Amino acid sequence: MVYPAILINRVSLLLCLDTAMLVLLCVLECLALTGLDVHVWLGFALCPLVLVHVVMQWQWFVTQFQRIRATRAYRVRVNALLNLGLLFMMSAVLGDDASGRTRAKAKRTRRRRGRG
């Protein structure tokens, strides 16, 4: 079977993008390996990769939302609610973790300066 060159290039790009995000996420999980400053910058570097990933997969999102609106889509709706709940929980955990690290860093800085 012959595939168009554009499709092969798109799949290759998505594979590279997803692999880069996976490697970056694995490195981000090991704070002791990178240190806080590098960890923060790697987190910033992950943001545009995620944005490009979402834009390139937008048709998948559209299809999923259309499936949710179908009449007998009970299982699809349950999966969507579970995924949405997971998204909110992970956002809360990561947001709390990031703000906790920021507060801890500010506290260490104040102690070094003799103010706290």
N, C-alpha and C. Protein backbone atom coordinates (compact mmCIF):
# COMPACT_ATOMS: atom_id res chain seq x y z
N MET A 1 0.84 -1.18 0.00
CA MET A 1 0.00 0.00 0.00
C MET A 1 0.89 1.24 0.00
N VAL A 2 0.54 2.23 -0.77
CA VAL A 2 1.32 3.45 -0.91
C VAL A 2 0.64 4.55 -0.10
N TYR A 3 1.42 5.18 0.78
CA TYR A 3 0.89 6.27 1.59
C TYR A 3 1.43 7.59 1.05
N PRO A 4 0.62 8.64 1.11
CA PRO A 4 1.10 9.95 0.66
C PRO A 4 2.26 10.41 1.54
N ALA A 5 3.19 11.12 0.94
CA ALA A 5 4.37 11.59 1.66
C ALA A 5 4.00 12.52 2.81
N ILE A 6 2.93 13.30 2.64
CA ILE A 6 2.50 14.22 3.71
C ILE A 6 2.07 13.44 4.94
N LEU A 7 1.35 12.35 4.75
CA LEU A 7 0.91 11.53 5.88
C LEU A 7 2.09 10.92 6.61
N ILE A 8 3.06 10.42 5.88
CA ILE A 8 4.25 9.83 6.50
C ILE A 8 5.02 10.90 7.27
N ASN A 9 5.16 12.08 6.70
CA ASN A 9 5.86 13.17 7.38
C ASN A 9 5.12 13.59 8.65
N ARG A 10 3.78 13.64 8.59
CA ARG A 10 2.98 14.02 9.76
C ARG A 10 3.13 12.98 10.86
N VAL A 11 3.06 11.71 10.49
CA VAL A 11 3.21 10.64 11.48
C VAL A 11 4.60 10.67 12.08
N SER A 12 5.61 10.88 11.27
CA SER A 12 6.98 10.97 11.77
C SER A 12 7.15 12.14 12.72
N LEU A 13 6.57 13.27 12.35
CA LEU A 13 6.65 14.45 13.22
C LEU A 13 5.94 14.19 14.55
N LEU A 14 4.75 13.59 14.49
CA LEU A 14 4.04 13.29 15.73
C LEU A 14 4.81 12.30 16.60
N LEU A 15 5.42 11.32 15.98
CA LEU A 15 6.21 10.35 16.73
C LEU A 15 7.39 11.03 17.42
N CYS A 16 8.08 11.89 16.70
CA CYS A 16 9.20 12.62 17.30
C CYS A 16 8.74 13.55 18.41
N LEU A 17 7.64 14.25 18.18
CA LEU A 17 7.09 15.17 19.17
C LEU A 17 6.68 14.42 20.43
N ASP A 18 5.96 13.32 20.28
CA ASP A 18 5.51 12.55 21.44
C ASP A 18 6.69 11.93 22.18
N THR A 19 7.70 11.48 21.44
CA THR A 19 8.90 10.92 22.08
C THR A 19 9.63 12.00 22.86
N ALA A 20 9.76 13.17 22.29
CA ALA A 20 10.41 14.28 22.99
C ALA A 20 9.65 14.65 24.26
N MET A 21 8.32 14.68 24.18
CA MET A 21 7.53 15.00 25.37
C MET A 21 7.69 13.93 26.44
N LEU A 22 7.73 12.66 26.04
CA LEU A 22 7.90 11.57 27.00
C LEU A 22 9.26 11.65 27.69
N VAL A 23 10.31 11.87 26.92
CA VAL A 23 11.65 11.97 27.51
C VAL A 23 11.72 13.17 28.44
N LEU A 24 11.18 14.29 28.01
CA LEU A 24 11.19 15.50 28.83
C LEU A 24 10.41 15.29 30.12
N LEU A 25 9.28 14.63 30.03
CA LEU A 25 8.49 14.36 31.22
C LEU A 25 9.22 13.44 32.19
N CYS A 26 9.90 12.44 31.66
CA CYS A 26 10.68 11.53 32.53
C CYS A 26 11.80 12.29 33.24
N VAL A 27 12.46 13.19 32.52
CA VAL A 27 13.52 13.99 33.14
C VAL A 27 12.93 14.94 34.18
N LEU A 28 11.76 15.49 33.87
CA LEU A 28 11.12 16.41 34.81
C LEU A 28 10.71 15.72 36.11
N GLU A 29 10.41 14.45 36.04
CA GLU A 29 9.99 13.72 37.24
C GLU A 29 11.13 13.55 38.23
N CYS A 30 12.36 13.64 37.78
CA CYS A 30 13.52 13.43 38.65
C CYS A 30 14.14 14.79 38.99
N LEU A 31 13.59 15.43 39.98
CA LEU A 31 14.05 16.76 40.38
C LEU A 31 15.48 16.73 40.89
N ALA A 32 15.86 15.63 41.55
CA ALA A 32 17.23 15.53 42.06
C ALA A 32 18.25 15.50 40.92
N LEU A 33 17.85 15.02 39.77
CA LEU A 33 18.75 14.94 38.62
C LEU A 33 19.02 16.32 38.02
N THR A 34 18.00 17.14 37.96
CA THR A 34 18.12 18.41 37.25
C THR A 34 18.34 19.61 38.15
N GLY A 35 17.84 19.56 39.36
CA GLY A 35 17.85 20.76 40.19
C GLY A 35 16.64 21.60 39.88
N LEU A 36 16.29 22.50 40.78
CA LEU A 36 15.04 23.25 40.65
C LEU A 36 15.03 24.20 39.45
N ASP A 37 16.13 24.91 39.24
CA ASP A 37 16.13 25.90 38.15
C ASP A 37 16.00 25.24 36.78
N VAL A 38 16.77 24.18 36.54
CA VAL A 38 16.67 23.47 35.26
C VAL A 38 15.30 22.81 35.13
N HIS A 39 14.78 22.32 36.24
CA HIS A 39 13.44 21.70 36.25
C HIS A 39 12.39 22.70 35.77
N VAL A 40 12.47 23.90 36.27
CA VAL A 40 11.50 24.94 35.88
C VAL A 40 11.62 25.26 34.40
N TRP A 41 12.84 25.41 33.90
CA TRP A 41 13.03 25.74 32.48
C TRP A 41 12.60 24.59 31.58
N LEU A 42 12.84 23.35 32.00
CA LEU A 42 12.38 22.21 31.21
C LEU A 42 10.85 22.16 31.19
N GLY A 43 10.24 22.53 32.30
CA GLY A 43 8.78 22.61 32.34
C GLY A 43 8.25 23.65 31.37
N PHE A 44 8.94 24.79 31.30
CA PHE A 44 8.55 25.81 30.33
C PHE A 44 8.74 25.31 28.90
N ALA A 45 9.79 24.52 28.67
CA ALA A 45 10.05 23.98 27.33
C ALA A 45 8.98 22.97 26.93
N LEU A 46 8.39 22.29 27.91
CA LEU A 46 7.35 21.30 27.62
C LEU A 46 6.05 21.96 27.15
N CYS A 47 5.76 23.15 27.62
CA CYS A 47 4.49 23.82 27.30
C CYS A 47 4.26 24.00 25.80
N PRO A 48 5.20 24.55 25.04
CA PRO A 48 4.93 24.68 23.60
C PRO A 48 4.83 23.33 22.89
N LEU A 49 5.54 22.32 23.38
CA LEU A 49 5.42 21.00 22.78
C LEU A 49 4.01 20.45 22.94
N VAL A 50 3.45 20.64 24.13
CA VAL A 50 2.08 20.19 24.37
C VAL A 50 1.11 20.97 23.49
N LEU A 51 1.32 22.26 23.35
CA LEU A 51 0.45 23.08 22.51
C LEU A 51 0.50 22.62 21.05
N VAL A 52 1.69 22.35 20.53
CA VAL A 52 1.82 21.86 19.15
C VAL A 52 1.14 20.50 19.02
N HIS A 53 1.30 19.65 20.03
CA HIS A 53 0.67 18.32 20.01
C HIS A 53 -0.85 18.45 19.93
N VAL A 54 -1.42 19.32 20.74
CA VAL A 54 -2.87 19.51 20.75
C VAL A 54 -3.35 20.06 19.41
N VAL A 55 -2.64 21.03 18.86
CA VAL A 55 -3.04 21.62 17.58
C VAL A 55 -2.99 20.56 16.47
N MET A 56 -1.96 19.73 16.49
CA MET A 56 -1.83 18.71 15.44
C MET A 56 -2.86 17.59 15.59
N GLN A 57 -3.38 17.40 16.79
CA GLN A 57 -4.36 16.35 17.04
C GLN A 57 -5.79 16.91 17.16
N TRP A 58 -5.99 18.15 16.73
CA TRP A 58 -7.27 18.81 16.94
C TRP A 58 -8.45 18.04 16.34
N GLN A 59 -8.26 17.42 15.20
CA GLN A 59 -9.35 16.66 14.58
C GLN A 59 -9.80 15.51 15.49
N TRP A 60 -8.88 14.92 16.23
CA TRP A 60 -9.24 13.86 17.17
C TRP A 60 -10.17 14.42 18.26
N PHE A 61 -9.83 15.62 18.78
CA PHE A 61 -10.68 16.24 19.79
C PHE A 61 -12.08 16.51 19.24
N VAL A 62 -12.15 17.03 18.02
CA VAL A 62 -13.45 17.31 17.39
C VAL A 62 -14.27 16.03 17.27
N THR A 63 -13.63 14.96 16.83
CA THR A 63 -14.32 13.67 16.69
C THR A 63 -14.84 13.17 18.04
N GLN A 64 -14.03 13.31 19.07
CA GLN A 64 -14.45 12.84 20.40
C GLN A 64 -15.65 13.64 20.91
N PHE A 65 -15.63 14.95 20.71
CA PHE A 65 -16.76 15.77 21.14
C PHE A 65 -18.02 15.43 20.35
N GLN A 66 -17.88 15.11 19.09
CA GLN A 66 -19.04 14.69 18.30
C GLN A 66 -19.58 13.36 18.81
N ARG A 67 -18.70 12.46 19.20
CA ARG A 67 -19.14 11.17 19.72
C ARG A 67 -19.87 11.32 21.05
N ILE A 68 -19.48 12.29 21.85
CA ILE A 68 -20.14 12.53 23.14
C ILE A 68 -21.59 12.95 22.92
N ARG A 69 -21.83 13.72 21.87
CA ARG A 69 -23.19 14.20 21.60
C ARG A 69 -24.08 13.15 20.95
N ALA A 70 -23.53 12.01 20.55
CA ALA A 70 -24.35 10.96 19.92
C ALA A 70 -25.37 10.44 20.93
N THR A 71 -26.48 9.90 20.44
CA THR A 71 -27.58 9.52 21.32
C THR A 71 -27.24 8.38 22.28
N ARG A 72 -26.61 7.32 21.83
CA ARG A 72 -26.32 6.18 22.70
C ARG A 72 -24.83 6.10 23.00
N ALA A 73 -24.29 7.17 23.52
CA ALA A 73 -22.85 7.24 23.76
C ALA A 73 -22.55 7.22 25.26
N TYR A 74 -23.21 6.31 25.99
CA TYR A 74 -23.03 6.25 27.44
C TYR A 74 -21.56 6.03 27.82
N ARG A 75 -20.94 5.04 27.20
CA ARG A 75 -19.56 4.71 27.54
C ARG A 75 -18.60 5.84 27.19
N VAL A 76 -18.82 6.49 26.07
CA VAL A 76 -17.97 7.61 25.66
C VAL A 76 -18.11 8.76 26.66
N ARG A 77 -19.33 9.01 27.12
CA ARG A 77 -19.55 10.09 28.10
C ARG A 77 -18.87 9.77 29.43
N VAL A 78 -18.97 8.53 29.87
CA VAL A 78 -18.32 8.14 31.13
C VAL A 78 -16.81 8.29 30.99
N ASN A 79 -16.24 7.85 29.88
CA ASN A 79 -14.80 8.01 29.66
C ASN A 79 -14.39 9.48 29.64
N ALA A 80 -15.21 10.31 29.01
CA ALA A 80 -14.90 11.74 28.95
C ALA A 80 -14.93 12.35 30.36
N LEU A 81 -15.92 11.97 31.17
CA LEU A 81 -15.99 12.49 32.53
C LEU A 81 -14.81 12.03 33.37
N LEU A 82 -14.42 10.77 33.22
CA LEU A 82 -13.26 10.27 33.95
C LEU A 82 -11.98 10.99 33.53
N ASN A 83 -11.81 11.20 32.24
CA ASN A 83 -10.63 11.93 31.76
C ASN A 83 -10.63 13.38 32.22
N LEU A 84 -11.79 14.00 32.23
CA LEU A 84 -11.89 15.38 32.71
C LEU A 84 -11.55 15.45 34.20
N GLY A 85 -12.06 14.49 34.97
CA GLY A 85 -11.72 14.43 36.40
C GLY A 85 -10.23 14.24 36.62
N LEU A 86 -9.62 13.37 35.82
CA LEU A 86 -8.18 13.15 35.92
C LEU A 86 -7.41 14.43 35.57
N LEU A 87 -7.86 15.14 34.55
CA LEU A 87 -7.21 16.40 34.17
C LEU A 87 -7.26 17.40 35.33
N PHE A 88 -8.43 17.55 35.96
CA PHE A 88 -8.55 18.50 37.07
C PHE A 88 -7.71 18.08 38.26
N MET A 89 -7.69 16.78 38.57
CA MET A 89 -6.88 16.32 39.71
C MET A 89 -5.39 16.53 39.45
N MET A 90 -4.93 16.20 38.26
CA MET A 90 -3.51 16.39 37.95
C MET A 90 -3.15 17.87 37.94
N SER A 91 -4.05 18.72 37.45
CA SER A 91 -3.79 20.16 37.47
C SER A 91 -3.68 20.67 38.90
N ALA A 92 -4.55 20.18 39.77
CA ALA A 92 -4.50 20.59 41.17
C ALA A 92 -3.22 20.13 41.84
N VAL A 93 -2.83 18.89 41.58
CA VAL A 93 -1.60 18.36 42.19
C VAL A 93 -0.38 19.10 41.68
N LEU A 94 -0.28 19.27 40.37
CA LEU A 94 0.88 19.95 39.81
C LEU A 94 0.90 21.42 40.20
N GLY A 95 -0.25 22.07 40.22
CA GLY A 95 -0.31 23.47 40.62
C GLY A 95 0.08 23.65 42.07
N ASP A 96 -0.39 22.76 42.94
CA ASP A 96 -0.05 22.83 44.36
C ASP A 96 1.43 22.54 44.55
N ASP A 97 1.94 21.57 43.81
CA ASP A 97 3.35 21.22 43.91
C ASP A 97 4.23 22.39 43.48
N ALA A 98 3.85 23.02 42.37
CA ALA A 98 4.64 24.16 41.87
C ALA A 98 4.60 25.32 42.84
N SER A 99 3.43 25.63 43.39
CA SER A 99 3.34 26.75 44.32
C SER A 99 4.06 26.42 45.62
N GLY A 100 4.06 25.16 46.03
CA GLY A 100 4.79 24.76 47.23
C GLY A 100 6.29 24.91 47.04
N ARG A 101 6.79 24.55 45.87
CA ARG A 101 8.22 24.71 45.59
C ARG A 101 8.59 26.18 45.56
N THR A 102 7.71 27.00 44.98
CA THR A 102 7.98 28.43 44.92
C THR A 102 8.03 29.03 46.31
N ARG A 103 7.09 28.63 47.16
CA ARG A 103 7.09 29.14 48.54
C ARG A 103 8.33 28.67 49.29
N ALA A 104 8.73 27.41 49.09
CA ALA A 104 9.92 26.88 49.76
C ALA A 104 11.17 27.61 49.31
N LYS A 105 11.26 27.90 48.02
CA LYS A 105 12.43 28.62 47.49
C LYS A 105 12.48 30.03 48.07
N ALA A 106 11.32 30.71 48.14
CA ALA A 106 11.28 32.05 48.70
C ALA A 106 11.67 32.03 50.18
N LYS A 107 11.26 31.01 50.89
CA LYS A 107 11.60 30.89 52.31
C LYS A 107 13.11 30.69 52.48
N ARG A 108 13.71 29.84 51.63
CA ARG A 108 15.16 29.62 51.71
C ARG A 108 15.91 30.91 51.40
N THR A 109 15.42 31.68 50.44
CA THR A 109 16.07 32.94 50.08
C THR A 109 16.00 33.92 51.23
N ARG A 110 14.84 33.99 51.89
CA ARG A 110 14.70 34.90 53.04
C ARG A 110 15.64 34.49 54.16
N ARG A 111 15.76 33.15 54.40
CA ARG A 111 16.66 32.69 55.47
C ARG A 111 18.09 33.05 55.18
N ARG A 112 18.51 32.92 53.92
CA ARG A 112 19.88 33.25 53.55
C ARG A 112 20.17 34.74 53.77
N ARG A 113 19.17 35.55 53.55
CA ARG A 113 19.34 37.00 53.71
C ARG A 113 19.16 37.42 55.16
N GLY A 114 18.78 36.49 56.02
CA GLY A 114 18.63 36.79 57.44
C GLY A 114 17.31 37.45 57.80
N ARG A 115 16.29 37.23 56.96
CA ARG A 115 14.99 37.87 57.24
C ARG A 115 13.95 36.89 57.74
N GLY A 116 14.24 35.63 57.87
CA GLY A 116 13.15 34.74 58.22
C GLY A 116 13.60 33.62 58.98
